[in-house]
């Protein structure tokens, strides 16, 4: 199941947050060699883990096997502070109904030996991001991702708009995109991953909705599934 931590319940999840920061350090620093994020205490925390941040943790037996984070674009976020050069086509969408999708990863041991299959933790965390976005009335999510994952986003029912061209960063290809939430994104995501029900813990299903504000979309810049 996926537990959602936000400003409303963060005080109740101190122990889980500790697991989250240590999971992120083990995955992104120790496994993927994000040396700039290395900390002597083994906790991967950055300047964006603050007010408005939404943590999604996939738990199995009380342990985290997948995780992702959503950041409000009404505050400084990765695309404004770390990757502004990726938005080559102009300013990226921002506002109360646009969040940034970051730090998405699954415990490597869960993926190994599953050739051609998607691990349930990956399926759960990916679908949970769409469900949280819908529950909170979001228009879409910004992301900086490997270009190959754009196909997965589209297969899951997101309407994906590249914000620039792929760029090399720390030896890897990275692309900034805006993924619009469509009316059928959640259903399509569940179908793509073969999920019969929501992966969200029942207490995470009734999150407050943000006011719906639609951003104008130049037709020539849209990339459809």
N, C-alpha and C. Protein backbone atom coordinates (compact mmCIF):
# COMPACT_ATOMS: atom_id res chain seq x y z
N UNK A 1 0.84 -1.19 0.00
CA UNK A 1 0.00 0.00 0.00
C UNK A 1 0.87 1.25 0.00
N UNK A 2 0.30 2.36 -0.43
CA UNK A 2 1.02 3.64 -0.47
C UNK A 2 0.46 4.57 0.60
N UNK A 3 1.35 5.04 1.45
CA UNK A 3 0.99 6.01 2.48
C UNK A 3 1.41 7.40 2.00
N UNK A 4 0.53 8.37 2.14
CA UNK A 4 0.79 9.74 1.71
C UNK A 4 1.05 10.59 2.94
N UNK A 5 2.17 11.32 2.91
CA UNK A 5 2.52 12.24 3.99
C UNK A 5 2.52 13.65 3.44
N UNK A 6 1.77 14.54 4.07
CA UNK A 6 1.72 15.94 3.64
C UNK A 6 1.71 16.84 4.88
N UNK A 7 1.46 18.12 4.66
CA UNK A 7 1.48 19.07 5.77
C UNK A 7 0.45 18.72 6.86
N UNK A 8 -0.66 18.09 6.47
CA UNK A 8 -1.72 17.81 7.42
C UNK A 8 -1.39 16.68 8.39
N UNK A 9 -0.55 15.73 7.95
CA UNK A 9 -0.32 14.57 8.82
C UNK A 9 1.16 14.30 9.10
N UNK A 10 2.03 15.22 8.69
CA UNK A 10 3.47 14.96 8.83
C UNK A 10 3.88 14.74 10.28
N UNK A 11 3.18 15.37 11.22
CA UNK A 11 3.53 15.22 12.63
C UNK A 11 3.28 13.80 13.14
N UNK A 12 2.47 13.04 12.40
CA UNK A 12 2.14 11.68 12.81
C UNK A 12 3.10 10.64 12.23
N UNK A 13 4.01 11.08 11.36
CA UNK A 13 4.81 10.12 10.61
C UNK A 13 6.31 10.36 10.73
N UNK A 14 6.77 10.75 11.93
CA UNK A 14 8.19 11.00 12.10
C UNK A 14 9.05 9.78 11.82
N UNK A 15 8.63 8.61 12.28
CA UNK A 15 9.41 7.39 12.06
C UNK A 15 9.44 7.01 10.59
N UNK A 16 8.32 7.17 9.90
CA UNK A 16 8.28 6.84 8.48
C UNK A 16 9.13 7.81 7.66
N UNK A 17 9.13 9.09 8.04
CA UNK A 17 9.98 10.06 7.35
C UNK A 17 11.46 9.68 7.47
N UNK A 18 11.86 9.21 8.65
CA UNK A 18 13.24 8.76 8.81
C UNK A 18 13.56 7.64 7.84
N UNK A 19 12.62 6.69 7.70
CA UNK A 19 12.82 5.59 6.75
C UNK A 19 12.89 6.12 5.32
N UNK A 20 12.07 7.13 5.02
CA UNK A 20 12.07 7.71 3.68
C UNK A 20 13.43 8.31 3.35
N UNK A 21 13.96 9.13 4.26
CA UNK A 21 15.24 9.78 3.99
C UNK A 21 16.37 8.77 3.86
N UNK A 22 16.33 7.70 4.63
CA UNK A 22 17.36 6.67 4.54
C UNK A 22 17.18 5.81 3.28
N UNK A 23 15.94 5.57 2.90
CA UNK A 23 15.67 4.87 1.64
C UNK A 23 16.21 5.67 0.47
N UNK A 24 15.94 6.97 0.47
CA UNK A 24 16.42 7.82 -0.62
C UNK A 24 17.95 7.83 -0.68
N UNK A 25 18.61 7.89 0.46
CA UNK A 25 20.07 7.89 0.46
C UNK A 25 20.60 6.57 -0.07
N UNK A 26 20.01 5.46 0.37
CA UNK A 26 20.47 4.15 -0.08
C UNK A 26 20.27 3.98 -1.58
N UNK A 27 19.15 4.48 -2.10
CA UNK A 27 18.85 4.31 -3.52
C UNK A 27 19.59 5.31 -4.41
N UNK A 28 19.40 6.59 -4.12
CA UNK A 28 19.91 7.61 -5.04
C UNK A 28 21.40 7.92 -4.84
N UNK A 29 21.88 7.81 -3.62
CA UNK A 29 23.30 8.11 -3.36
C UNK A 29 24.15 6.85 -3.47
N UNK A 30 23.81 5.83 -2.67
CA UNK A 30 24.64 4.63 -2.64
C UNK A 30 24.52 3.81 -3.92
N UNK A 31 23.32 3.73 -4.47
CA UNK A 31 23.10 2.89 -5.65
C UNK A 31 23.32 3.66 -6.95
N UNK A 32 22.80 4.87 -7.04
CA UNK A 32 22.86 5.62 -8.30
C UNK A 32 23.96 6.67 -8.31
N UNK A 33 24.71 6.76 -7.22
CA UNK A 33 25.90 7.63 -7.16
C UNK A 33 25.60 9.12 -7.31
N UNK A 34 24.54 9.58 -6.67
CA UNK A 34 24.27 11.02 -6.64
C UNK A 34 25.15 11.63 -5.54
N UNK A 35 26.42 11.81 -5.82
CA UNK A 35 27.37 12.21 -4.80
C UNK A 35 27.08 13.57 -4.20
N UNK A 36 26.48 14.46 -4.97
CA UNK A 36 26.15 15.78 -4.43
C UNK A 36 25.14 15.71 -3.29
N UNK A 37 24.41 14.59 -3.21
CA UNK A 37 23.38 14.43 -2.18
C UNK A 37 23.87 13.60 -1.00
N UNK A 38 25.14 13.18 -1.01
CA UNK A 38 25.65 12.33 0.06
C UNK A 38 25.71 13.10 1.38
N UNK A 39 25.27 12.44 2.46
CA UNK A 39 25.33 13.03 3.79
C UNK A 39 25.92 12.01 4.76
N UNK A 40 26.72 12.45 5.70
CA UNK A 40 27.35 11.51 6.64
C UNK A 40 26.36 10.76 7.51
N UNK A 41 25.15 11.31 7.69
CA UNK A 41 24.17 10.63 8.53
C UNK A 41 23.32 9.63 7.76
N UNK A 42 23.59 9.49 6.43
CA UNK A 42 22.87 8.51 5.64
C UNK A 42 21.41 8.85 5.39
N UNK A 43 21.08 10.15 5.43
CA UNK A 43 19.71 10.62 5.21
C UNK A 43 19.73 11.60 4.05
N UNK A 44 19.04 11.28 2.97
CA UNK A 44 19.02 12.15 1.79
C UNK A 44 17.88 13.15 1.95
N UNK A 45 18.23 14.38 2.29
CA UNK A 45 17.27 15.46 2.47
C UNK A 45 17.77 16.67 1.69
N UNK A 46 16.86 17.38 1.03
CA UNK A 46 17.29 18.58 0.32
C UNK A 46 16.43 19.77 0.72
N UNK A 47 16.68 20.91 0.08
CA UNK A 47 16.00 22.15 0.45
C UNK A 47 14.52 22.15 0.08
N UNK A 48 14.07 21.15 -0.67
CA UNK A 48 12.68 21.12 -1.10
C UNK A 48 11.79 20.27 -0.18
N UNK A 49 12.41 19.59 0.78
CA UNK A 49 11.63 18.80 1.74
C UNK A 49 11.06 19.71 2.82
N UNK A 50 10.15 20.57 2.41
CA UNK A 50 9.59 21.56 3.32
C UNK A 50 8.09 21.67 3.16
N UNK A 51 7.53 22.81 3.51
CA UNK A 51 6.07 23.01 3.42
C UNK A 51 5.55 22.74 2.02
N UNK A 52 4.43 22.04 1.96
CA UNK A 52 3.78 21.74 0.68
C UNK A 52 4.26 20.45 0.04
N UNK A 53 5.38 19.91 0.49
CA UNK A 53 5.92 18.67 -0.08
C UNK A 53 4.99 17.51 0.25
N UNK A 54 4.77 16.63 -0.72
CA UNK A 54 3.95 15.43 -0.52
C UNK A 54 4.83 14.21 -0.75
N UNK A 55 4.95 13.36 0.27
CA UNK A 55 5.72 12.12 0.16
C UNK A 55 4.77 10.95 -0.08
N UNK A 56 5.13 10.06 -0.99
CA UNK A 56 4.37 8.84 -1.23
C UNK A 56 5.31 7.66 -1.02
N UNK A 57 4.99 6.81 -0.06
CA UNK A 57 5.85 5.67 0.26
C UNK A 57 5.06 4.37 0.12
N UNK A 58 5.59 3.47 -0.69
CA UNK A 58 4.98 2.14 -0.86
C UNK A 58 5.56 1.24 0.22
N UNK A 59 4.70 0.72 1.07
CA UNK A 59 5.14 -0.08 2.21
C UNK A 59 4.76 -1.54 2.05
N UNK A 60 5.71 -2.41 2.39
CA UNK A 60 5.45 -3.84 2.45
C UNK A 60 6.08 -4.36 3.74
N UNK A 61 5.25 -4.89 4.61
CA UNK A 61 5.77 -5.35 5.89
C UNK A 61 6.40 -4.25 6.71
N UNK A 62 5.91 -3.03 6.55
CA UNK A 62 6.43 -1.89 7.29
C UNK A 62 7.69 -1.28 6.72
N UNK A 63 8.21 -1.85 5.63
CA UNK A 63 9.42 -1.32 5.00
C UNK A 63 9.09 -0.67 3.66
N UNK A 64 9.86 0.35 3.29
CA UNK A 64 9.64 1.06 2.03
C UNK A 64 10.28 0.29 0.88
N UNK A 65 9.50 0.01 -0.15
CA UNK A 65 10.05 -0.65 -1.34
C UNK A 65 9.97 0.24 -2.58
N UNK A 66 9.23 1.33 -2.49
CA UNK A 66 9.20 2.32 -3.58
C UNK A 66 8.77 3.66 -2.98
N UNK A 67 9.15 4.72 -3.66
CA UNK A 67 8.90 6.06 -3.11
C UNK A 67 8.86 7.07 -4.24
N UNK A 68 8.10 8.15 -4.03
CA UNK A 68 8.19 9.32 -4.89
C UNK A 68 7.73 10.54 -4.10
N UNK A 69 7.99 11.71 -4.67
CA UNK A 69 7.72 12.98 -3.99
C UNK A 69 7.10 13.96 -4.97
N UNK A 70 6.12 14.73 -4.50
CA UNK A 70 5.50 15.79 -5.29
C UNK A 70 5.79 17.12 -4.61
N UNK A 71 6.24 18.10 -5.41
CA UNK A 71 6.60 19.42 -4.88
C UNK A 71 5.69 20.50 -5.46
N UNK A 72 5.24 21.44 -4.64
CA UNK A 72 4.42 22.54 -5.16
C UNK A 72 5.26 23.47 -6.02
N UNK A 73 4.73 23.88 -7.15
CA UNK A 73 5.47 24.81 -8.01
C UNK A 73 5.23 26.26 -7.63
N UNK A 74 4.43 26.48 -6.58
CA UNK A 74 4.27 27.83 -6.05
C UNK A 74 5.46 28.21 -5.18
N UNK A 75 6.34 27.26 -4.92
CA UNK A 75 7.58 27.48 -4.18
C UNK A 75 8.76 27.08 -5.07
N UNK A 76 9.98 27.44 -4.70
CA UNK A 76 11.13 26.97 -5.47
C UNK A 76 11.13 25.45 -5.56
N UNK A 77 11.44 24.93 -6.75
CA UNK A 77 11.46 23.49 -6.96
C UNK A 77 12.61 23.16 -7.92
N UNK A 78 12.78 21.91 -8.26
CA UNK A 78 13.96 21.49 -9.02
C UNK A 78 14.08 22.19 -10.37
N UNK A 79 12.96 22.36 -11.07
CA UNK A 79 13.05 22.95 -12.41
C UNK A 79 13.40 24.43 -12.35
N UNK A 80 13.12 25.09 -11.25
CA UNK A 80 13.49 26.51 -11.14
C UNK A 80 14.88 26.69 -10.54
N UNK A 81 15.29 25.77 -9.67
CA UNK A 81 16.53 25.97 -8.92
C UNK A 81 17.71 25.12 -9.42
N UNK A 82 17.44 23.96 -9.97
CA UNK A 82 18.51 23.03 -10.35
C UNK A 82 18.58 22.81 -11.86
N UNK A 83 17.43 22.69 -12.50
CA UNK A 83 17.39 22.35 -13.93
C UNK A 83 16.73 23.42 -14.80
N UNK A 84 16.89 24.71 -14.54
CA UNK A 84 16.17 25.69 -15.36
C UNK A 84 16.56 25.62 -16.83
N UNK A 85 17.78 25.15 -17.12
CA UNK A 85 18.24 25.06 -18.50
C UNK A 85 17.49 24.00 -19.31
N UNK A 86 16.76 23.12 -18.63
CA UNK A 86 16.02 22.08 -19.35
C UNK A 86 14.74 22.61 -20.00
N UNK A 87 14.22 23.73 -19.48
CA UNK A 87 13.00 24.31 -20.04
C UNK A 87 13.37 25.25 -21.18
N UNK A 88 13.84 24.68 -22.26
CA UNK A 88 14.35 25.47 -23.37
C UNK A 88 13.26 26.16 -24.18
N UNK A 89 12.03 25.71 -24.04
CA UNK A 89 10.94 26.28 -24.84
C UNK A 89 10.20 27.40 -24.13
N UNK A 90 10.74 27.84 -23.01
CA UNK A 90 10.10 28.93 -22.30
C UNK A 90 9.71 28.51 -20.90
N UNK A 91 9.16 29.40 -20.11
CA UNK A 91 8.81 29.10 -18.73
C UNK A 91 7.86 27.90 -18.63
N UNK A 92 8.14 27.02 -17.71
CA UNK A 92 7.28 25.86 -17.49
C UNK A 92 6.03 26.27 -16.73
N UNK A 93 4.96 25.49 -16.85
CA UNK A 93 3.74 25.80 -16.09
C UNK A 93 4.02 25.82 -14.59
N UNK A 94 3.37 26.74 -13.89
CA UNK A 94 3.47 26.84 -12.45
C UNK A 94 2.11 27.25 -11.90
N UNK A 95 1.91 27.00 -10.63
CA UNK A 95 0.66 27.42 -10.01
C UNK A 95 0.16 26.40 -9.01
N UNK A 96 -0.95 26.71 -8.37
CA UNK A 96 -1.49 25.86 -7.32
C UNK A 96 -1.90 24.48 -7.81
N UNK A 97 -2.20 24.36 -9.10
CA UNK A 97 -2.66 23.07 -9.63
C UNK A 97 -1.59 22.35 -10.44
N UNK A 98 -0.33 22.78 -10.30
CA UNK A 98 0.79 22.11 -10.96
C UNK A 98 1.83 21.75 -9.89
N UNK A 99 2.16 20.47 -9.79
CA UNK A 99 3.21 20.03 -8.88
C UNK A 99 4.35 19.43 -9.70
N UNK A 100 5.48 19.21 -9.03
CA UNK A 100 6.63 18.61 -9.68
C UNK A 100 6.84 17.21 -9.11
N UNK A 101 7.03 16.24 -9.99
CA UNK A 101 7.16 14.83 -9.65
C UNK A 101 8.64 14.49 -9.58
N UNK A 102 9.16 14.16 -8.41
CA UNK A 102 10.59 13.96 -8.23
C UNK A 102 10.89 12.72 -7.38
N UNK A 103 12.17 12.35 -7.33
CA UNK A 103 12.67 11.28 -6.46
C UNK A 103 11.85 10.00 -6.58
N UNK A 104 11.56 9.57 -7.79
CA UNK A 104 10.76 8.36 -7.99
C UNK A 104 11.70 7.16 -8.13
N UNK A 105 11.55 6.16 -7.27
CA UNK A 105 12.43 5.01 -7.36
C UNK A 105 11.90 3.81 -6.61
N UNK A 106 12.38 2.63 -7.01
CA UNK A 106 11.98 1.36 -6.41
C UNK A 106 13.22 0.64 -5.89
N UNK A 107 13.08 -0.07 -4.80
CA UNK A 107 14.17 -0.87 -4.25
C UNK A 107 14.72 -1.77 -5.35
N UNK A 108 16.01 -1.66 -5.68
CA UNK A 108 16.57 -2.44 -6.80
C UNK A 108 16.30 -3.93 -6.71
N UNK A 109 16.33 -4.49 -5.52
CA UNK A 109 16.12 -5.92 -5.37
C UNK A 109 14.73 -6.35 -5.85
N UNK A 110 13.77 -5.41 -5.84
CA UNK A 110 12.42 -5.74 -6.30
C UNK A 110 12.33 -5.82 -7.81
N UNK A 111 13.28 -5.18 -8.52
CA UNK A 111 13.25 -5.18 -9.98
C UNK A 111 14.12 -6.27 -10.58
N UNK A 112 15.14 -6.71 -9.86
CA UNK A 112 16.09 -7.66 -10.40
C UNK A 112 15.43 -9.01 -10.65
N UNK A 113 15.73 -9.58 -11.80
CA UNK A 113 15.19 -10.89 -12.14
C UNK A 113 13.76 -10.87 -12.63
N UNK A 114 13.20 -9.66 -12.90
CA UNK A 114 11.82 -9.56 -13.37
C UNK A 114 11.80 -9.08 -14.82
N UNK A 115 12.54 -9.73 -15.69
CA UNK A 115 12.64 -9.34 -17.09
C UNK A 115 11.25 -9.28 -17.72
N UNK A 116 10.93 -8.11 -18.28
CA UNK A 116 9.65 -7.96 -18.96
C UNK A 116 8.47 -7.72 -18.04
N UNK A 117 8.70 -7.76 -16.73
CA UNK A 117 7.62 -7.56 -15.77
C UNK A 117 7.86 -6.30 -14.95
N UNK A 118 6.79 -5.63 -14.58
CA UNK A 118 6.89 -4.43 -13.75
C UNK A 118 6.58 -4.82 -12.31
N UNK A 119 7.48 -4.50 -11.42
CA UNK A 119 7.32 -4.84 -10.02
C UNK A 119 6.06 -4.19 -9.44
N UNK A 120 5.33 -4.88 -8.56
CA UNK A 120 4.12 -4.29 -7.96
C UNK A 120 4.38 -2.99 -7.22
N UNK A 121 5.55 -2.85 -6.60
CA UNK A 121 5.85 -1.59 -5.90
C UNK A 121 5.97 -0.44 -6.89
N UNK A 122 6.62 -0.69 -8.03
CA UNK A 122 6.73 0.33 -9.07
C UNK A 122 5.35 0.68 -9.60
N UNK A 123 4.54 -0.34 -9.87
CA UNK A 123 3.18 -0.10 -10.35
C UNK A 123 2.37 0.70 -9.35
N UNK A 124 2.52 0.37 -8.07
CA UNK A 124 1.74 1.06 -7.05
C UNK A 124 2.13 2.51 -6.89
N UNK A 125 3.44 2.79 -6.86
CA UNK A 125 3.88 4.16 -6.63
C UNK A 125 3.57 5.04 -7.84
N UNK A 126 3.69 4.46 -9.04
CA UNK A 126 3.42 5.21 -10.27
C UNK A 126 1.94 5.57 -10.36
N UNK A 127 1.08 4.61 -10.04
CA UNK A 127 -0.36 4.85 -10.09
C UNK A 127 -0.80 5.77 -8.96
N UNK A 128 -0.17 5.64 -7.80
CA UNK A 128 -0.53 6.50 -6.66
C UNK A 128 -0.28 7.97 -6.98
N UNK A 129 0.78 8.26 -7.72
CA UNK A 129 1.05 9.65 -8.09
C UNK A 129 -0.12 10.23 -8.89
N UNK A 130 -0.66 9.43 -9.80
CA UNK A 130 -1.82 9.89 -10.59
C UNK A 130 -3.04 10.06 -9.71
N UNK A 131 -3.24 9.14 -8.78
CA UNK A 131 -4.42 9.21 -7.92
C UNK A 131 -4.36 10.40 -6.96
N UNK A 132 -3.18 10.68 -6.43
CA UNK A 132 -3.04 11.84 -5.56
C UNK A 132 -3.26 13.13 -6.35
N UNK A 133 -2.72 13.18 -7.57
CA UNK A 133 -2.92 14.36 -8.42
C UNK A 133 -4.40 14.58 -8.69
N UNK A 134 -5.13 13.52 -8.99
CA UNK A 134 -6.57 13.65 -9.24
C UNK A 134 -7.32 14.06 -7.97
N UNK A 135 -7.00 13.43 -6.84
CA UNK A 135 -7.71 13.71 -5.60
C UNK A 135 -7.53 15.16 -5.17
N UNK A 136 -6.39 15.75 -5.53
CA UNK A 136 -6.11 17.13 -5.12
C UNK A 136 -6.44 18.15 -6.21
N UNK A 137 -7.09 17.71 -7.26
CA UNK A 137 -7.54 18.63 -8.29
C UNK A 137 -6.44 19.24 -9.11
N UNK A 138 -5.32 18.54 -9.27
CA UNK A 138 -4.20 19.09 -10.04
C UNK A 138 -4.45 18.99 -11.53
N UNK A 139 -3.85 19.90 -12.27
CA UNK A 139 -3.90 19.85 -13.73
C UNK A 139 -2.83 18.93 -14.29
N UNK A 140 -1.67 18.88 -13.64
CA UNK A 140 -0.60 18.05 -14.16
C UNK A 140 0.64 18.13 -13.29
N UNK A 141 1.67 17.39 -13.72
CA UNK A 141 2.92 17.30 -12.99
C UNK A 141 4.10 17.58 -13.90
N UNK A 142 5.03 18.38 -13.42
CA UNK A 142 6.32 18.54 -14.09
C UNK A 142 7.20 17.37 -13.71
N UNK A 143 8.12 17.00 -14.60
CA UNK A 143 9.07 15.93 -14.28
C UNK A 143 10.33 16.12 -15.09
N UNK A 144 11.45 15.71 -14.50
CA UNK A 144 12.71 15.62 -15.23
C UNK A 144 13.05 14.13 -15.24
N UNK A 145 13.06 13.53 -16.41
CA UNK A 145 13.14 12.09 -16.49
C UNK A 145 13.98 11.66 -17.68
N UNK A 146 14.33 10.38 -17.71
CA UNK A 146 15.01 9.83 -18.87
C UNK A 146 14.02 9.79 -20.03
N UNK A 147 14.44 10.16 -21.23
CA UNK A 147 13.50 10.20 -22.36
C UNK A 147 12.74 8.91 -22.58
N UNK A 148 13.35 7.76 -22.25
CA UNK A 148 12.68 6.49 -22.50
C UNK A 148 11.43 6.33 -21.64
N UNK A 149 11.38 7.02 -20.48
CA UNK A 149 10.22 6.89 -19.60
C UNK A 149 9.03 7.72 -20.06
N UNK A 150 9.23 8.58 -21.05
CA UNK A 150 8.10 9.33 -21.60
C UNK A 150 7.07 8.37 -22.18
N UNK A 151 7.53 7.29 -22.81
CA UNK A 151 6.60 6.31 -23.36
C UNK A 151 5.74 5.68 -22.27
N UNK A 152 6.34 5.44 -21.11
CA UNK A 152 5.54 4.87 -20.02
C UNK A 152 4.50 5.85 -19.54
N UNK A 153 4.88 7.12 -19.42
CA UNK A 153 3.90 8.13 -19.00
C UNK A 153 2.71 8.16 -19.96
N UNK A 154 3.00 8.15 -21.24
CA UNK A 154 1.91 8.19 -22.22
C UNK A 154 1.08 6.91 -22.18
N UNK A 155 1.73 5.77 -21.97
CA UNK A 155 0.99 4.51 -21.87
C UNK A 155 0.07 4.49 -20.66
N UNK A 156 0.42 5.30 -19.65
CA UNK A 156 -0.40 5.39 -18.44
C UNK A 156 -1.47 6.48 -18.52
N UNK A 157 -1.62 7.08 -19.70
CA UNK A 157 -2.72 8.02 -19.89
C UNK A 157 -2.41 9.47 -19.61
N UNK A 158 -1.13 9.81 -19.41
CA UNK A 158 -0.76 11.22 -19.26
C UNK A 158 -0.59 11.85 -20.64
N UNK A 159 -0.96 13.11 -20.76
CA UNK A 159 -0.73 13.88 -21.99
C UNK A 159 0.58 14.63 -21.80
N UNK A 160 1.62 14.20 -22.48
CA UNK A 160 2.98 14.64 -22.19
C UNK A 160 3.45 15.72 -23.17
N UNK A 161 3.93 16.81 -22.62
CA UNK A 161 4.49 17.91 -23.40
C UNK A 161 5.97 18.09 -23.05
N UNK A 162 6.88 17.84 -23.98
CA UNK A 162 8.29 18.13 -23.71
C UNK A 162 8.51 19.63 -23.54
N UNK A 163 9.32 20.00 -22.59
CA UNK A 163 9.61 21.41 -22.35
C UNK A 163 10.95 21.83 -22.95
N UNK A 164 11.60 20.89 -23.63
CA UNK A 164 12.88 21.17 -24.26
C UNK A 164 13.39 19.90 -24.91
N UNK A 165 14.67 19.89 -25.26
CA UNK A 165 15.29 18.72 -25.86
C UNK A 165 16.03 17.93 -24.78
N UNK A 166 16.24 16.63 -25.01
CA UNK A 166 17.03 15.84 -24.05
C UNK A 166 18.42 16.43 -23.87
N UNK A 167 18.91 16.41 -22.64
CA UNK A 167 20.20 17.00 -22.29
C UNK A 167 20.99 15.99 -21.46
N UNK A 168 22.30 16.00 -21.59
CA UNK A 168 23.15 15.14 -20.77
C UNK A 168 23.40 15.82 -19.43
N UNK A 169 23.15 15.08 -18.35
CA UNK A 169 23.38 15.61 -17.01
C UNK A 169 24.01 14.51 -16.17
N UNK A 170 25.23 14.76 -15.69
CA UNK A 170 25.96 13.74 -14.92
C UNK A 170 26.05 12.41 -15.67
N UNK A 171 26.24 12.51 -16.98
CA UNK A 171 26.42 11.31 -17.78
C UNK A 171 25.16 10.61 -18.22
N UNK A 172 24.00 11.17 -17.91
CA UNK A 172 22.73 10.53 -18.26
C UNK A 172 21.86 11.50 -19.06
N UNK A 173 21.03 10.95 -19.93
CA UNK A 173 20.08 11.77 -20.68
C UNK A 173 18.92 12.15 -19.76
N UNK A 174 18.51 13.41 -19.84
CA UNK A 174 17.40 13.88 -19.01
C UNK A 174 16.55 14.84 -19.83
N UNK A 175 15.25 14.77 -19.63
CA UNK A 175 14.30 15.57 -20.39
C UNK A 175 13.27 16.13 -19.43
N UNK A 176 12.99 17.42 -19.54
CA UNK A 176 11.93 18.04 -18.75
C UNK A 176 10.62 17.94 -19.51
N UNK A 177 9.56 17.52 -18.82
CA UNK A 177 8.25 17.39 -19.44
C UNK A 177 7.17 17.93 -18.51
N UNK A 178 6.04 18.24 -19.11
CA UNK A 178 4.84 18.55 -18.34
C UNK A 178 3.82 17.48 -18.68
N UNK A 179 3.42 16.70 -17.69
CA UNK A 179 2.46 15.61 -17.89
C UNK A 179 1.09 16.06 -17.41
N UNK A 180 0.17 16.25 -18.34
CA UNK A 180 -1.18 16.69 -17.98
C UNK A 180 -2.03 15.50 -17.55
N UNK A 181 -2.75 15.69 -16.47
CA UNK A 181 -3.67 14.68 -15.99
C UNK A 181 -4.93 14.72 -16.84
N UNK A 182 -5.25 13.60 -17.46
CA UNK A 182 -6.44 13.50 -18.30
C UNK A 182 -7.56 12.82 -17.52
N UNK A 183 -8.81 12.92 -17.99
CA UNK A 183 -9.92 12.30 -17.26
C UNK A 183 -9.74 10.80 -17.02
N UNK A 184 -9.03 10.11 -17.92
CA UNK A 184 -8.88 8.66 -17.79
C UNK A 184 -7.48 8.23 -17.36
N UNK A 185 -6.65 9.18 -16.88
CA UNK A 185 -5.28 8.81 -16.53
C UNK A 185 -5.22 7.76 -15.43
N UNK A 186 -6.01 7.92 -14.38
CA UNK A 186 -5.98 6.95 -13.29
C UNK A 186 -6.43 5.57 -13.77
N UNK A 187 -7.54 5.52 -14.49
CA UNK A 187 -8.04 4.24 -14.99
C UNK A 187 -7.05 3.60 -15.95
N UNK A 188 -6.43 4.41 -16.82
CA UNK A 188 -5.46 3.88 -17.77
C UNK A 188 -4.22 3.37 -17.06
N UNK A 189 -3.78 4.09 -16.02
CA UNK A 189 -2.63 3.64 -15.24
C UNK A 189 -2.91 2.30 -14.57
N UNK A 190 -4.07 2.18 -13.96
CA UNK A 190 -4.41 0.91 -13.31
C UNK A 190 -4.44 -0.22 -14.34
N UNK A 191 -5.03 0.05 -15.50
CA UNK A 191 -5.12 -0.99 -16.53
C UNK A 191 -3.73 -1.36 -17.04
N UNK A 192 -2.88 -0.38 -17.24
CA UNK A 192 -1.53 -0.63 -17.75
C UNK A 192 -0.75 -1.54 -16.80
N UNK A 193 -0.90 -1.30 -15.49
CA UNK A 193 -0.15 -2.08 -14.50
C UNK A 193 -0.92 -3.30 -14.00
N UNK A 194 -2.15 -3.46 -14.47
CA UNK A 194 -2.94 -4.61 -14.05
C UNK A 194 -3.45 -4.52 -12.62
N UNK A 195 -3.68 -3.30 -12.13
CA UNK A 195 -4.19 -3.11 -10.78
C UNK A 195 -5.71 -3.10 -10.77
N UNK A 196 -6.29 -3.82 -9.83
CA UNK A 196 -7.74 -3.88 -9.73
C UNK A 196 -8.32 -2.83 -8.80
N UNK A 197 -7.48 -2.25 -7.96
CA UNK A 197 -7.96 -1.27 -6.98
C UNK A 197 -6.88 -0.24 -6.73
N UNK A 198 -7.23 0.80 -5.99
CA UNK A 198 -6.28 1.85 -5.66
C UNK A 198 -5.17 1.31 -4.77
N UNK A 199 -3.90 1.70 -5.04
CA UNK A 199 -2.80 1.30 -4.16
C UNK A 199 -2.70 2.17 -2.91
N UNK A 200 -3.48 3.24 -2.84
CA UNK A 200 -3.39 4.17 -1.72
C UNK A 200 -4.00 3.58 -0.46
N UNK A 201 -3.36 3.82 0.67
CA UNK A 201 -3.94 3.48 1.95
C UNK A 201 -5.25 4.24 2.10
N UNK A 202 -6.24 3.64 2.73
CA UNK A 202 -7.58 4.23 2.78
C UNK A 202 -7.59 5.63 3.38
N UNK A 203 -6.66 5.93 4.30
CA UNK A 203 -6.65 7.26 4.90
C UNK A 203 -6.11 8.32 3.95
N UNK A 204 -5.57 7.89 2.79
CA UNK A 204 -5.02 8.83 1.83
C UNK A 204 -5.98 9.14 0.69
N UNK A 205 -7.18 8.57 0.74
CA UNK A 205 -8.10 8.68 -0.39
C UNK A 205 -8.92 9.96 -0.37
N UNK A 206 -8.92 10.69 0.72
CA UNK A 206 -9.83 11.84 0.83
C UNK A 206 -9.06 13.12 1.07
N UNK A 207 -8.03 13.35 0.25
CA UNK A 207 -7.21 14.55 0.39
C UNK A 207 -7.97 15.77 -0.10
N UNK A 208 -7.67 16.94 0.44
CA UNK A 208 -8.35 18.17 -0.01
C UNK A 208 -8.02 18.49 -1.45
N UNK A 209 -8.95 19.05 -2.15
CA UNK A 209 -8.76 19.39 -3.55
C UNK A 209 -8.31 20.83 -3.69
N UNK A 210 -7.37 21.05 -4.61
CA UNK A 210 -6.96 22.41 -4.93
C UNK A 210 -7.96 23.02 -5.90
N UNK A 211 -8.07 24.35 -5.95
CA UNK A 211 -8.97 24.97 -6.92
C UNK A 211 -8.53 24.65 -8.34
N UNK A 212 -9.48 24.32 -9.18
CA UNK A 212 -9.15 23.95 -10.56
C UNK A 212 -8.90 25.21 -11.39
N UNK A 213 -7.70 25.37 -11.85
CA UNK A 213 -7.32 26.49 -12.71
C UNK A 213 -6.62 25.93 -13.93
N UNK A 214 -7.18 26.07 -15.09
CA UNK A 214 -6.62 25.49 -16.30
C UNK A 214 -5.66 26.46 -16.96
N UNK A 215 -4.54 25.94 -17.44
CA UNK A 215 -3.54 26.75 -18.12
C UNK A 215 -3.73 26.62 -19.63
N UNK A 216 -3.59 27.71 -20.39
CA UNK A 216 -3.69 27.60 -21.84
C UNK A 216 -2.57 26.74 -22.38
N UNK A 217 -2.88 25.91 -23.36
CA UNK A 217 -1.91 24.97 -23.92
C UNK A 217 -1.78 25.21 -25.42
N UNK A 218 -0.62 25.70 -25.89
CA UNK A 218 -0.41 25.84 -27.32
C UNK A 218 -0.50 24.47 -27.99
N UNK A 219 -1.39 24.32 -28.96
CA UNK A 219 -1.64 23.02 -29.58
C UNK A 219 -0.39 22.43 -30.20
N UNK A 220 0.46 23.26 -30.77
CA UNK A 220 1.64 22.75 -31.47
C UNK A 220 2.69 22.18 -30.52
N UNK A 221 2.56 22.43 -29.23
CA UNK A 221 3.57 21.95 -28.29
C UNK A 221 3.14 20.70 -27.56
N UNK A 222 1.98 20.15 -27.88
CA UNK A 222 1.47 19.01 -27.17
C UNK A 222 1.92 17.71 -27.81
N UNK A 223 2.19 16.73 -26.95
CA UNK A 223 2.59 15.41 -27.41
C UNK A 223 1.59 14.43 -26.84
N UNK A 224 0.82 13.76 -27.70
CA UNK A 224 -0.27 12.91 -27.22
C UNK A 224 0.16 11.45 -27.22
N UNK A 225 -0.51 10.70 -26.36
CA UNK A 225 -0.28 9.25 -26.32
C UNK A 225 -0.83 8.62 -27.58
